[in-house]
Amino acid sequence: MNQKDINDAVDFLYTHGKKYAEAKAHKGYLDNYTKALIASLSIKFIADGMAKSMAQAEAMAYADESYDVHIRGLKEAVEAEEGLKWALTSAESRIDVWRSQEASNRTMDRAAA
């Protein structure tokens, strides 16, 4: 690894840390919105007389197209969050490897002197 690789890894951590935080926040929002969506749809099905019980209304909510759209969005949010998480972990690992190599090089230099 050369100095440019390390600088690139550090820059990546700096520039993508905020993107990871945003992706994590978006996924958290969608997780919480799931409950609100199911509740809202269930209430609508009860109010419209389409369901006779909360259990039936909830089952209908899970089968509703808007829930399917929501779940696909949640899938994309998880993918974005996890992709950034592992990219950041990879950059951190590259820096750790470089750090270890540098320590080994210093030890070898001292032994040769």
PDB file of N, CA and C in Angstrom:
ATOM      1  N   MET A   1       0.839  -1.183   0.000  1.00  0.00           N
ATOM      2  CA  MET A   1       0.000   0.000   0.000  1.00  0.00           C
ATOM      3  C   MET A   1       0.876   1.235   0.000  1.00  0.00           C
ATOM      4  N   ASN A   2       0.494   2.178  -0.796  1.00  0.00           N
ATOM      5  CA  ASN A   2       1.266   3.422  -0.817  1.00  0.00           C
ATOM      6  C   ASN A   2       0.481   4.532  -0.106  1.00  0.00           C
ATOM      7  N   GLN A   3       1.115   5.665   0.021  1.00  0.00           N
ATOM      8  CA  GLN A   3       0.518   6.782   0.754  1.00  0.00           C
ATOM      9  C   GLN A   3      -0.775   7.259   0.100  1.00  0.00           C
ATOM     10  N   LYS A   4      -0.843   7.210  -1.227  1.00  0.00           N
ATOM     11  CA  LYS A   4      -2.063   7.639  -1.928  1.00  0.00           C
ATOM     12  C   LYS A   4      -3.241   6.730  -1.559  1.00  0.00           C
ATOM     13  N   ASP A   5      -2.991   5.413  -1.480  1.00  0.00           N
ATOM     14  CA  ASP A   5      -4.055   4.482  -1.097  1.00  0.00           C
ATOM     15  C   ASP A   5      -4.595   4.812   0.283  1.00  0.00           C
ATOM     16  N   ILE A   6      -3.700   5.113   1.194  1.00  0.00           N
ATOM     17  CA  ILE A   6      -4.110   5.439   2.559  1.00  0.00           C
ATOM     18  C   ILE A   6      -4.873   6.757   2.586  1.00  0.00           C
ATOM     19  N   ASN A   7      -4.360   7.752   1.865  1.00  0.00           N
ATOM     20  CA  ASN A   7      -5.060   9.042   1.800  1.00  0.00           C
ATOM     21  C   ASN A   7      -6.448   8.871   1.198  1.00  0.00           C
ATOM     22  N   ASP A   8      -6.550   8.027   0.170  1.00  0.00           N
ATOM     23  CA  ASP A   8      -7.854   7.764  -0.448  1.00  0.00           C
ATOM     24  C   ASP A   8      -8.807   7.100   0.557  1.00  0.00           C
ATOM     25  N   ALA A   9      -8.288   6.157   1.349  1.00  0.00           N
ATOM     26  CA  ALA A   9      -9.121   5.478   2.346  1.00  0.00           C
ATOM     27  C   ALA A   9      -9.603   6.462   3.404  1.00  0.00           C
ATOM     28  N   VAL A  10      -8.720   7.328   3.863  1.00  0.00           N
ATOM     29  CA  VAL A  10      -9.104   8.329   4.861  1.00  0.00           C
ATOM     30  C   VAL A  10     -10.129   9.296   4.265  1.00  0.00           C
ATOM     31  N   ASP A  11      -9.893   9.739   3.045  1.00  0.00           N
ATOM     32  CA  ASP A  11     -10.851  10.627   2.382  1.00  0.00           C
ATOM     33  C   ASP A  11     -12.214   9.949   2.237  1.00  0.00           C
ATOM     34  N   PHE A  12     -12.196   8.659   1.904  1.00  0.00           N
ATOM     35  CA  PHE A  12     -13.447   7.924   1.762  1.00  0.00           C
ATOM     36  C   PHE A  12     -14.213   7.899   3.079  1.00  0.00           C
ATOM     37  N   LEU A  13     -13.500   7.632   4.173  1.00  0.00           N
ATOM     38  CA  LEU A  13     -14.151   7.640   5.490  1.00  0.00           C
ATOM     39  C   LEU A  13     -14.768   9.001   5.777  1.00  0.00           C
ATOM     40  N   TYR A  14     -14.021  10.047   5.466  1.00  0.00           N
ATOM     41  CA  TYR A  14     -14.485  11.409   5.729  1.00  0.00           C
ATOM     42  C   TYR A  14     -15.720  11.750   4.891  1.00  0.00           C
ATOM     43  N   THR A  15     -15.673  11.441   3.614  1.00  0.00           N
ATOM     44  CA  THR A  15     -16.766  11.848   2.720  1.00  0.00           C
ATOM     45  C   THR A  15     -17.990  10.941   2.809  1.00  0.00           C
ATOM     46  N   HIS A  16     -17.800   9.690   3.173  1.00  0.00           N
ATOM     47  CA  HIS A  16     -18.928   8.759   3.171  1.00  0.00           C
ATOM     48  C   HIS A  16     -19.525   8.520   4.555  1.00  0.00           C
ATOM     49  N   GLY A  17     -18.892   9.006   5.590  1.00  0.00           N
ATOM     50  CA  GLY A  17     -19.451   8.868   6.932  1.00  0.00           C
ATOM     51  C   GLY A  17     -20.815   9.516   7.035  1.00  0.00           C
ATOM     52  N   LYS A  18     -20.947  10.714   6.492  1.00  0.00           N
ATOM     53  CA  LYS A  18     -22.238  11.423   6.524  1.00  0.00           C
ATOM     54  C   LYS A  18     -23.275  10.691   5.659  1.00  0.00           C
ATOM     55  N   LYS A  19     -22.839  10.171   4.521  1.00  0.00           N
ATOM     56  CA  LYS A  19     -23.776   9.421   3.666  1.00  0.00           C
ATOM     57  C   LYS A  19     -24.300   8.187   4.395  1.00  0.00           C
ATOM     58  N   TYR A  20     -23.414   7.528   5.145  1.00  0.00           N
ATOM     59  CA  TYR A  20     -23.836   6.364   5.922  1.00  0.00           C
ATOM     60  C   TYR A  20     -24.847   6.780   6.985  1.00  0.00           C
ATOM     61  N   ALA A  21     -24.579   7.885   7.663  1.00  0.00           N
ATOM     62  CA  ALA A  21     -25.505   8.369   8.695  1.00  0.00           C
ATOM     63  C   ALA A  21     -26.872   8.681   8.081  1.00  0.00           C
ATOM     64  N   GLU A  22     -26.873   9.291   6.914  1.00  0.00           N
ATOM     65  CA  GLU A  22     -28.132   9.606   6.242  1.00  0.00           C
ATOM     66  C   GLU A  22     -28.874   8.330   5.845  1.00  0.00           C
ATOM     67  N   ALA A  23     -28.133   7.343   5.326  1.00  0.00           N
ATOM     68  CA  ALA A  23     -28.757   6.070   4.925  1.00  0.00           C
ATOM     69  C   ALA A  23     -29.331   5.358   6.148  1.00  0.00           C
ATOM     70  N   LYS A  24     -28.614   5.398   7.253  1.00  0.00           N
ATOM     71  CA  LYS A  24     -29.070   4.751   8.483  1.00  0.00           C
ATOM     72  C   LYS A  24     -30.318   5.458   9.011  1.00  0.00           C
ATOM     73  N   ALA A  25     -30.328   6.776   8.960  1.00  0.00           N
ATOM     74  CA  ALA A  25     -31.493   7.543   9.410  1.00  0.00           C
ATOM     75  C   ALA A  25     -32.704   7.249   8.531  1.00  0.00           C
ATOM     76  N   HIS A  26     -32.490   7.176   7.230  1.00  0.00           N
ATOM     77  CA  HIS A  26     -33.583   6.889   6.299  1.00  0.00           C
ATOM     78  C   HIS A  26     -34.172   5.506   6.572  1.00  0.00           C
ATOM     79  N   LYS A  27     -33.305   4.531   6.789  1.00  0.00           N
ATOM     80  CA  LYS A  27     -33.772   3.178   7.095  1.00  0.00           C
ATOM     81  C   LYS A  27     -34.536   3.162   8.416  1.00  0.00           C
ATOM     82  N   GLY A  28     -34.038   3.883   9.419  1.00  0.00           N
ATOM     83  CA  GLY A  28     -34.735   3.972  10.697  1.00  0.00           C
ATOM     84  C   GLY A  28     -36.109   4.606  10.555  1.00  0.00           C
ATOM     85  N   TYR A  29     -36.181   5.639   9.741  1.00  0.00           N
ATOM     86  CA  TYR A  29     -37.460   6.293   9.482  1.00  0.00           C
ATOM     87  C   TYR A  29     -38.443   5.308   8.853  1.00  0.00           C
ATOM     88  N   LEU A  30     -37.984   4.577   7.838  1.00  0.00           N
ATOM     89  CA  LEU A  30     -38.867   3.624   7.172  1.00  0.00           C
ATOM     90  C   LEU A  30     -39.291   2.498   8.110  1.00  0.00           C
ATOM     91  N   ASP A  31     -38.388   2.057   8.981  1.00  0.00           N
ATOM     92  CA  ASP A  31     -38.747   1.042   9.980  1.00  0.00           C
ATOM     93  C   ASP A  31     -39.905   1.530  10.832  1.00  0.00           C
ATOM     94  N   ASN A  32     -39.795   2.762  11.317  1.00  0.00           N
ATOM     95  CA  ASN A  32     -40.852   3.315  12.166  1.00  0.00           C
ATOM     96  C   ASN A  32     -42.123   3.609  11.385  1.00  0.00           C
ATOM     97  N   TYR A  33     -41.980   4.014  10.137  1.00  0.00           N
ATOM     98  CA  TYR A  33     -43.150   4.325   9.321  1.00  0.00           C
ATOM     99  C   TYR A  33     -43.967   3.063   9.023  1.00  0.00           C
ATOM    100  N   THR A  34     -43.316   1.914   9.031  1.00  0.00           N
ATOM    101  CA  THR A  34     -44.025   0.659   8.782  1.00  0.00           C
ATOM    102  C   THR A  34     -45.202   0.522   9.743  1.00  0.00           C
ATOM    103  N   LYS A  35     -44.963   0.767  11.013  1.00  0.00           N
ATOM    104  CA  LYS A  35     -46.014   0.643  12.027  1.00  0.00           C
ATOM    105  C   LYS A  35     -47.146   1.643  11.762  1.00  0.00           C
ATOM    106  N   ALA A  36     -46.769   2.857  11.432  1.00  0.00           N
ATOM    107  CA  ALA A  36     -47.771   3.893  11.172  1.00  0.00           C
ATOM    108  C   ALA A  36     -48.597   3.562   9.928  1.00  0.00           C
ATOM    109  N   LEU A  37     -47.940   3.032   8.918  1.00  0.00           N
ATOM    110  CA  LEU A  37     -48.648   2.681   7.680  1.00  0.00           C
ATOM    111  C   LEU A  37     -49.664   1.568   7.932  1.00  0.00           C
ATOM    112  N   ILE A  38     -49.238   0.540   8.642  1.00  0.00           N
ATOM    113  CA  ILE A  38     -50.156  -0.566   8.943  1.00  0.00           C
ATOM    114  C   ILE A  38     -51.338  -0.066   9.773  1.00  0.00           C
ATOM    115  N   ALA A  39     -51.070   0.762  10.754  1.00  0.00           N
ATOM    116  CA  ALA A  39     -52.148   1.307  11.594  1.00  0.00           C
ATOM    117  C   ALA A  39     -53.102   2.160  10.764  1.00  0.00           C
ATOM    118  N   SER A  40     -52.545   3.008   9.922  1.00  0.00           N
ATOM    119  CA  SER A  40     -53.364   3.891   9.094  1.00  0.00           C
ATOM    120  C   SER A  40     -54.243   3.098   8.123  1.00  0.00           C
ATOM    121  N   LEU A  41     -53.642   2.130   7.471  1.00  0.00           N
ATOM    122  CA  LEU A  41     -54.421   1.301   6.540  1.00  0.00           C
ATOM    123  C   LEU A  41     -55.492   0.502   7.277  1.00  0.00           C
ATOM    124  N   SER A  42     -55.137  -0.019   8.436  1.00  0.00           N
ATOM    125  CA  SER A  42     -56.104  -0.809   9.214  1.00  0.00           C
ATOM    126  C   SER A  42     -57.305   0.043   9.603  1.00  0.00           C
ATOM    127  N   ILE A  43     -57.040   1.246  10.091  1.00  0.00           N
ATOM    128  CA  ILE A  43     -58.123   2.159  10.479  1.00  0.00           C
ATOM    129  C   ILE A  43     -58.995   2.485   9.273  1.00  0.00           C
ATOM    130  N   LYS A  44     -58.360   2.709   8.130  1.00  0.00           N
ATOM    131  CA  LYS A  44     -59.108   3.018   6.907  1.00  0.00           C
ATOM    132  C   LYS A  44     -60.024   1.853   6.519  1.00  0.00           C
ATOM    133  N   PHE A  45     -59.513   0.625   6.586  1.00  0.00           N
ATOM    134  CA  PHE A  45     -60.321  -0.538   6.215  1.00  0.00           C
ATOM    135  C   PHE A  45     -61.492  -0.740   7.176  1.00  0.00           C
ATOM    136  N   ILE A  46     -61.282  -0.446   8.463  1.00  0.00           N
ATOM    137  CA  ILE A  46     -62.370  -0.540   9.443  1.00  0.00           C
ATOM    138  C   ILE A  46     -63.395   0.556   9.165  1.00  0.00           C
ATOM    139  N   ALA A  47     -62.918   1.802   8.976  1.00  0.00           N
ATOM    140  CA  ALA A  47     -63.819   2.948   8.763  1.00  0.00           C
ATOM    141  C   ALA A  47     -64.630   2.792   7.485  1.00  0.00           C
ATOM    142  N   ASP A  48     -64.031   2.230   6.454  1.00  0.00           N
ATOM    143  CA  ASP A  48     -64.726   2.043   5.179  1.00  0.00           C
ATOM    144  C   ASP A  48     -65.630   0.809   5.179  1.00  0.00           C
ATOM    145  N   GLY A  49     -65.620   0.063   6.284  1.00  0.00           N
ATOM    146  CA  GLY A  49     -66.460  -1.127   6.374  1.00  0.00           C
ATOM    147  C   GLY A  49     -65.919  -2.303   5.590  1.00  0.00           C
ATOM    148  N   MET A  50     -64.668  -2.222   5.178  1.00  0.00           N
ATOM    149  CA  MET A  50     -64.083  -3.312   4.388  1.00  0.00           C
ATOM    150  C   MET A  50     -63.602  -4.459   5.285  1.00  0.00           C
ATOM    151  N   ALA A  51     -63.394  -4.163   6.567  1.00  0.00           N
ATOM    152  CA  ALA A  51     -62.951  -5.180   7.510  1.00  0.00           C
ATOM    153  C   ALA A  51     -63.856  -5.145   8.728  1.00  0.00           C
ATOM    154  N   LYS A  52     -64.118  -6.321   9.285  1.00  0.00           N
ATOM    155  CA  LYS A  52     -65.018  -6.416  10.427  1.00  0.00           C
ATOM    156  C   LYS A  52     -64.265  -6.468  11.756  1.00  0.00           C
ATOM    157  N   SER A  53     -62.962  -6.718  11.707  1.00  0.00           N
ATOM    158  CA  SER A  53     -62.175  -6.766  12.942  1.00  0.00           C
ATOM    159  C   SER A  53     -60.810  -6.139  12.685  1.00  0.00           C
ATOM    160  N   MET A  54     -60.139  -5.811  13.776  1.00  0.00           N
ATOM    161  CA  MET A  54     -58.776  -5.256  13.629  1.00  0.00           C
ATOM    162  C   MET A  54     -57.834  -6.289  13.017  1.00  0.00           C
ATOM    163  N   ALA A  55     -57.998  -7.539  13.377  1.00  0.00           N
ATOM    164  CA  ALA A  55     -57.137  -8.587  12.820  1.00  0.00           C
ATOM    165  C   ALA A  55     -57.330  -8.678  11.305  1.00  0.00           C
ATOM    166  N   GLN A  56     -58.567  -8.614  10.872  1.00  0.00           N
ATOM    167  CA  GLN A  56     -58.849  -8.658   9.440  1.00  0.00           C
ATOM    168  C   GLN A  56     -58.309  -7.399   8.756  1.00  0.00           C
ATOM    169  N   ALA A  57     -58.474  -6.250   9.389  1.00  0.00           N
ATOM    170  CA  ALA A  57     -57.990  -4.993   8.824  1.00  0.00           C
ATOM    171  C   ALA A  57     -56.464  -5.008   8.708  1.00  0.00           C
ATOM    172  N   GLU A  58     -55.803  -5.542   9.727  1.00  0.00           N
ATOM    173  CA  GLU A  58     -54.345  -5.618   9.697  1.00  0.00           C
ATOM    174  C   GLU A  58     -53.871  -6.561   8.591  1.00  0.00           C
ATOM    175  N   ALA A  59     -54.549  -7.683   8.438  1.00  0.00           N
ATOM    176  CA  ALA A  59     -54.193  -8.617   7.362  1.00  0.00           C
ATOM    177  C   ALA A  59     -54.364  -7.949   5.997  1.00  0.00           C
ATOM    178  N   MET A  60     -55.418  -7.176   5.858  1.00  0.00           N
ATOM    179  CA  MET A  60     -55.646  -6.460   4.601  1.00  0.00           C
ATOM    180  C   MET A  60     -54.570  -5.400   4.380  1.00  0.00           C
ATOM    181  N   ALA A  61     -54.142  -4.767   5.462  1.00  0.00           N
ATOM    182  CA  ALA A  61     -53.098  -3.735   5.360  1.00  0.00           C
ATOM    183  C   ALA A  61     -51.794  -4.344   4.846  1.00  0.00           C
ATOM    184  N   TYR A  62     -51.438  -5.506   5.373  1.00  0.00           N
ATOM    185  CA  TYR A  62     -50.214  -6.171   4.918  1.00  0.00           C
ATOM    186  C   TYR A  62     -50.313  -6.609   3.455  1.00  0.00           C
ATOM    187  N   ALA A  63     -51.521  -6.830   2.978  1.00  0.00           N
ATOM    188  CA  ALA A  63     -51.717  -7.238   1.587  1.00  0.00           C
ATOM    189  C   ALA A  63     -51.878  -6.047   0.635  1.00  0.00           C
ATOM    190  N   ASP A  64     -51.994  -4.853   1.185  1.00  0.00           N
ATOM    191  CA  ASP A  64     -52.230  -3.656   0.375  1.00  0.00           C
ATOM    192  C   ASP A  64     -51.010  -3.293  -0.479  1.00  0.00           C
ATOM    193  N   GLU A  65     -51.257  -2.748  -1.648  1.00  0.00           N
ATOM    194  CA  GLU A  65     -50.189  -2.346  -2.578  1.00  0.00           C
ATOM    195  C   GLU A  65     -49.257  -1.298  -1.973  1.00  0.00           C
ATOM    196  N   SER A  66     -49.806  -0.371  -1.196  1.00  0.00           N
ATOM    197  CA  SER A  66     -48.955   0.670  -0.610  1.00  0.00           C
ATOM    198  C   SER A  66     -47.965   0.068   0.392  1.00  0.00           C
ATOM    199  N   TYR A  67     -48.358  -1.000   1.076  1.00  0.00           N
ATOM    200  CA  TYR A  67     -47.432  -1.683   1.977  1.00  0.00           C
ATOM    201  C   TYR A  67     -46.326  -2.366   1.170  1.00  0.00           C
ATOM    202  N   ASP A  68     -46.690  -2.963   0.058  1.00  0.00           N
ATOM    203  CA  ASP A  68     -45.694  -3.608  -0.809  1.00  0.00           C
ATOM    204  C   ASP A  68     -44.683  -2.587  -1.326  1.00  0.00           C
ATOM    205  N   VAL A  69     -45.160  -1.429  -1.738  1.00  0.00           N
ATOM    206  CA  VAL A  69     -44.267  -0.354  -2.194  1.00  0.00           C
ATOM    207  C   VAL A  69     -43.341   0.075  -1.051  1.00  0.00           C
ATOM    208  N   HIS A  70     -43.910   0.212   0.125  1.00  0.00           N
ATOM    209  CA  HIS A  70     -43.128   0.610   1.300  1.00  0.00           C
ATOM    210  C   HIS A  70     -42.026  -0.418   1.591  1.00  0.00           C
ATOM    211  N   ILE A  71     -42.370  -1.683   1.567  1.00  0.00           N
ATOM    212  CA  ILE A  71     -41.398  -2.733   1.875  1.00  0.00           C
ATOM    213  C   ILE A  71     -40.275  -2.758   0.839  1.00  0.00           C
ATOM    214  N   ARG A  72     -40.602  -2.524  -0.421  1.00  0.00           N
ATOM    215  CA  ARG A  72     -39.543  -2.446  -1.447  1.00  0.00           C
ATOM    216  C   ARG A  72     -38.620  -1.264  -1.173  1.00  0.00           C
ATOM    217  N   GLY A  73     -39.187  -0.142  -0.737  1.00  0.00           N
ATOM    218  CA  GLY A  73     -38.366   1.012  -0.361  1.00  0.00           C
ATOM    219  C   GLY A  73     -37.482   0.708   0.836  1.00  0.00           C
ATOM    220  N   LEU A  74     -38.015  -0.026   1.797  1.00  0.00           N
ATOM    221  CA  LEU A  74     -37.241  -0.430   2.974  1.00  0.00           C
ATOM    222  C   LEU A  74     -36.092  -1.346   2.558  1.00  0.00           C
ATOM    223  N   LYS A  75     -36.347  -2.240   1.622  1.00  0.00           N
ATOM    224  CA  LYS A  75     -35.301  -3.127   1.107  1.00  0.00           C
ATOM    225  C   LYS A  75     -34.164  -2.309   0.499  1.00  0.00           C
ATOM    226  N   GLU A  76     -34.500  -1.322  -0.290  1.00  0.00           N
ATOM    227  CA  GLU A  76     -33.483  -0.461  -0.904  1.00  0.00           C
ATOM    228  C   GLU A  76     -32.713   0.326   0.155  1.00  0.00           C
ATOM    229  N   ALA A  77     -33.409   0.777   1.196  1.00  0.00           N
ATOM    230  CA  ALA A  77     -32.747   1.528   2.266  1.00  0.00           C
ATOM    231  C   ALA A  77     -31.757   0.646   3.023  1.00  0.00           C
ATOM    232  N   VAL A  78     -32.136  -0.596   3.283  1.00  0.00           N
ATOM    233  CA  VAL A  78     -31.242  -1.532   3.969  1.00  0.00           C
ATOM    234  C   VAL A  78     -30.021  -1.803   3.096  1.00  0.00           C
ATOM    235  N   GLU A  79     -30.250  -1.990   1.812  1.00  0.00           N
ATOM    236  CA  GLU A  79     -29.144  -2.236   0.881  1.00  0.00           C
ATOM    237  C   GLU A  79     -28.176  -1.053   0.850  1.00  0.00           C
ATOM    238  N   ALA A  80     -28.693   0.146   0.815  1.00  0.00           N
ATOM    239  CA  ALA A  80     -27.840   1.342   0.800  1.00  0.00           C
ATOM    240  C   ALA A  80     -27.059   1.465   2.107  1.00  0.00           C
ATOM    241  N   GLU A  81     -27.742   1.260   3.227  1.00  0.00           N
ATOM    242  CA  GLU A  81     -27.076   1.364   4.526  1.00  0.00           C
ATOM    243  C   GLU A  81     -25.977   0.318   4.660  1.00  0.00           C
ATOM    244  N   GLU A  82     -26.284  -0.917   4.343  1.00  0.00           N
ATOM    245  CA  GLU A  82     -25.307  -1.995   4.488  1.00  0.00           C
ATOM    246  C   GLU A  82     -24.140  -1.830   3.510  1.00  0.00           C
ATOM    247  N   GLY A  83     -24.437  -1.373   2.298  1.00  0.00           N
ATOM    248  CA  GLY A  83     -23.364  -1.138   1.329  1.00  0.00           C
ATOM    249  C   GLY A  83     -22.366  -0.109   1.831  1.00  0.00           C
ATOM    250  N   LEU A  84     -22.886   0.987   2.371  1.00  0.00           N
ATOM    251  CA  LEU A  84     -22.002   2.022   2.918  1.00  0.00           C
ATOM    252  C   LEU A  84     -21.269   1.534   4.160  1.00  0.00           C
ATOM    253  N   LYS A  85     -21.973   0.800   5.009  1.00  0.00           N
ATOM    254  CA  LYS A  85     -21.342   0.289   6.229  1.00  0.00           C
ATOM    255  C   LYS A  85     -20.125  -0.568   5.888  1.00  0.00           C
ATOM    256  N   TRP A  86     -20.280  -1.489   4.931  1.00  0.00           N
ATOM    257  CA  TRP A  86     -19.174  -2.389   4.603  1.00  0.00           C
ATOM    258  C   TRP A  86     -18.089  -1.690   3.808  1.00  0.00           C
ATOM    259  N   ALA A  87     -18.444  -0.687   3.038  1.00  0.00           N
ATOM    260  CA  ALA A  87     -17.415   0.099   2.344  1.00  0.00           C
ATOM    261  C   ALA A  87     -16.571   0.867   3.357  1.00  0.00           C
ATOM    262  N   LEU A  88     -17.207   1.428   4.380  1.00  0.00           N
ATOM    263  CA  LEU A  88     -16.473   2.130   5.429  1.00  0.00           C
ATOM    264  C   LEU A  88     -15.609   1.165   6.234  1.00  0.00           C
ATOM    265  N   THR A  89     -16.143  -0.002   6.531  1.00  0.00           N
ATOM    266  CA  THR A  89     -15.380  -1.021   7.256  1.00  0.00           C
ATOM    267  C   THR A  89     -14.164  -1.441   6.450  1.00  0.00           C
ATOM    268  N   SER A  90     -14.334  -1.575   5.153  1.00  0.00           N
ATOM    269  CA  SER A  90     -13.223  -1.941   4.280  1.00  0.00           C
ATOM    270  C   SER A  90     -12.138  -0.867   4.293  1.00  0.00           C
ATOM    271  N   ALA A  91     -12.538   0.392   4.232  1.00  0.00           N
ATOM    272  CA  ALA A  91     -11.563   1.487   4.275  1.00  0.00           C
ATOM    273  C   ALA A  91     -10.818   1.482   5.617  1.00  0.00           C
ATOM    274  N   GLU A  92     -11.532   1.253   6.696  1.00  0.00           N
ATOM    275  CA  GLU A  92     -10.886   1.179   8.013  1.00  0.00           C
ATOM    276  C   GLU A  92      -9.888   0.022   8.063  1.00  0.00           C
ATOM    277  N   SER A  93     -10.259  -1.098   7.470  1.00  0.00           N
ATOM    278  CA  SER A  93      -9.368  -2.269   7.453  1.00  0.00           C
ATOM    279  C   SER A  93      -8.102  -1.989   6.654  1.00  0.00           C
ATOM    280  N   ARG A  94      -8.244  -1.288   5.536  1.00  0.00           N
ATOM    281  CA  ARG A  94      -7.056  -0.933   4.736  1.00  0.00           C
ATOM    282  C   ARG A  94      -6.099  -0.058   5.542  1.00  0.00           C
ATOM    283  N   ILE A  95      -6.662   0.860   6.302  1.00  0.00           N
ATOM    284  CA  ILE A  95      -5.825   1.724   7.137  1.00  0.00           C
ATOM    285  C   ILE A  95      -5.140   0.893   8.221  1.00  0.00           C
ATOM    286  N   ASP A  96      -5.865  -0.049   8.813  1.00  0.00           N
ATOM    287  CA  ASP A  96      -5.276  -0.911   9.842  1.00  0.00           C
ATOM    288  C   ASP A  96      -4.148  -1.768   9.274  1.00  0.00           C
ATOM    289  N   VAL A  97      -4.335  -2.294   8.070  1.00  0.00           N
ATOM    290  CA  VAL A  97      -3.288  -3.095   7.431  1.00  0.00           C
ATOM    291  C   VAL A  97      -2.058  -2.226   7.187  1.00  0.00           C
ATOM    292  N   TRP A  98      -2.274  -1.035   6.684  1.00  0.00           N
ATOM    293  CA  TRP A  98      -1.163  -0.114   6.433  1.00  0.00           C
ATOM    294  C   TRP A  98      -0.427   0.185   7.735  1.00  0.00           C
ATOM    295  N   ARG A  99      -1.193   0.439   8.794  1.00  0.00           N
ATOM    296  CA  ARG A  99      -0.605   0.735  10.100  1.00  0.00           C
ATOM    297  C   ARG A  99       0.279  -0.426  10.563  1.00  0.00           C
ATOM    298  N   SER A 100      -0.207  -1.644  10.392  1.00  0.00           N
ATOM    299  CA  SER A 100       0.572  -2.829  10.781  1.00  0.00           C
ATOM    300  C   SER A 100       1.828  -2.974   9.932  1.00  0.00           C
ATOM    301  N   GLN A 101       1.680  -2.729   8.630  1.00  0.00           N
ATOM    302  CA  GLN A 101       2.847  -2.805   7.740  1.00  0.00           C
ATOM    303  C   GLN A 101       3.898  -1.772   8.127  1.00  0.00           C
ATOM    304  N   GLU A 102       3.450  -0.582   8.443  1.00  0.00           N
ATOM    305  CA  GLU A 102       4.386   0.469   8.836  1.00  0.00           C
ATOM    306  C   GLU A 102       5.104   0.111  10.136  1.00  0.00           C
ATOM    307  N   ALA A 103       4.386  -0.466  11.084  1.00  0.00           N
ATOM    308  CA  ALA A 103       5.007  -0.881  12.343  1.00  0.00           C
ATOM    309  C   ALA A 103       6.037  -1.979  12.084  1.00  0.00           C
ATOM    310  N   SER A 104       5.703  -2.913  11.204  1.00  0.00           N
ATOM    311  CA  SER A 104       6.653  -3.983  10.853  1.00  0.00           C
ATOM    312  C   SER A 104       7.884  -3.401  10.167  1.00  0.00           C
ATOM    313  N   ASN A 105       7.661  -2.457   9.278  1.00  0.00           N
ATOM    314  CA  ASN A 105       8.791  -1.821   8.584  1.00  0.00           C
ATOM    315  C   ASN A 105       9.709  -1.112   9.575  1.00  0.00           C
ATOM    316  N   ARG A 106       9.129  -0.423  10.549  1.00  0.00           N
ATOM    317  CA  ARG A 106       9.954   0.261  11.554  1.00  0.00           C
ATOM    318  C   ARG A 106      10.757  -0.743  12.377  1.00  0.00           C
ATOM    319  N   THR A 107      10.139  -1.856  12.718  1.00  0.00           N
ATOM    320  CA  THR A 107      10.848  -2.890  13.487  1.00  0.00           C
ATOM    321  C   THR A 107      11.995  -3.470  12.683  1.00  0.00           C
ATOM    322  N   MET A 108      11.766  -3.693  11.408  1.00  0.00           N
ATOM    323  CA  MET A 108      12.813  -4.241  10.541  1.00  0.00           C
ATOM    324  C   MET A 108      13.939  -3.220  10.335  1.00  0.00           C
ATOM    325  N   ASP A 109      13.584  -1.947  10.232  1.00  0.00           N
ATOM    326  CA  ASP A 109      14.602  -0.899  10.079  1.00  0.00           C
ATOM    327  C   ASP A 109      15.493  -0.821  11.324  1.00  0.00           C
ATOM    328  N   ARG A 110      14.866  -0.925  12.503  1.00  0.00           N
ATOM    329  CA  ARG A 110      15.632  -0.889  13.741  1.00  0.00           C
ATOM    330  C   ARG A 110      16.554  -2.108  13.867  1.00  0.00           C
ATOM    331  N   ALA A 111      16.051  -3.247  13.412  1.00  0.00           N
ATOM    332  CA  ALA A 111      16.853  -4.480  13.494  1.00  0.00           C
ATOM    333  C   ALA A 111      18.036  -4.425  12.544  1.00  0.00           C
ATOM    334  N   ALA A 112      17.864  -3.756  11.409  1.00  0.00           N
ATOM    335  CA  ALA A 112      18.929  -3.658  10.412  1.00  0.00           C
ATOM    336  C   ALA A 112      19.980  -2.626  10.827  1.00  0.00           C
ATOM    337  N   ALA A 113      19.608  -1.700  11.677  1.00  0.00           N
ATOM    338  CA  ALA A 113      20.536  -0.625  12.054  1.00  0.00           C
ATOM    339  C   ALA A 113      21.540  -1.039  13.086  1.00  0.00           C
TER     340      ALA A 113
END
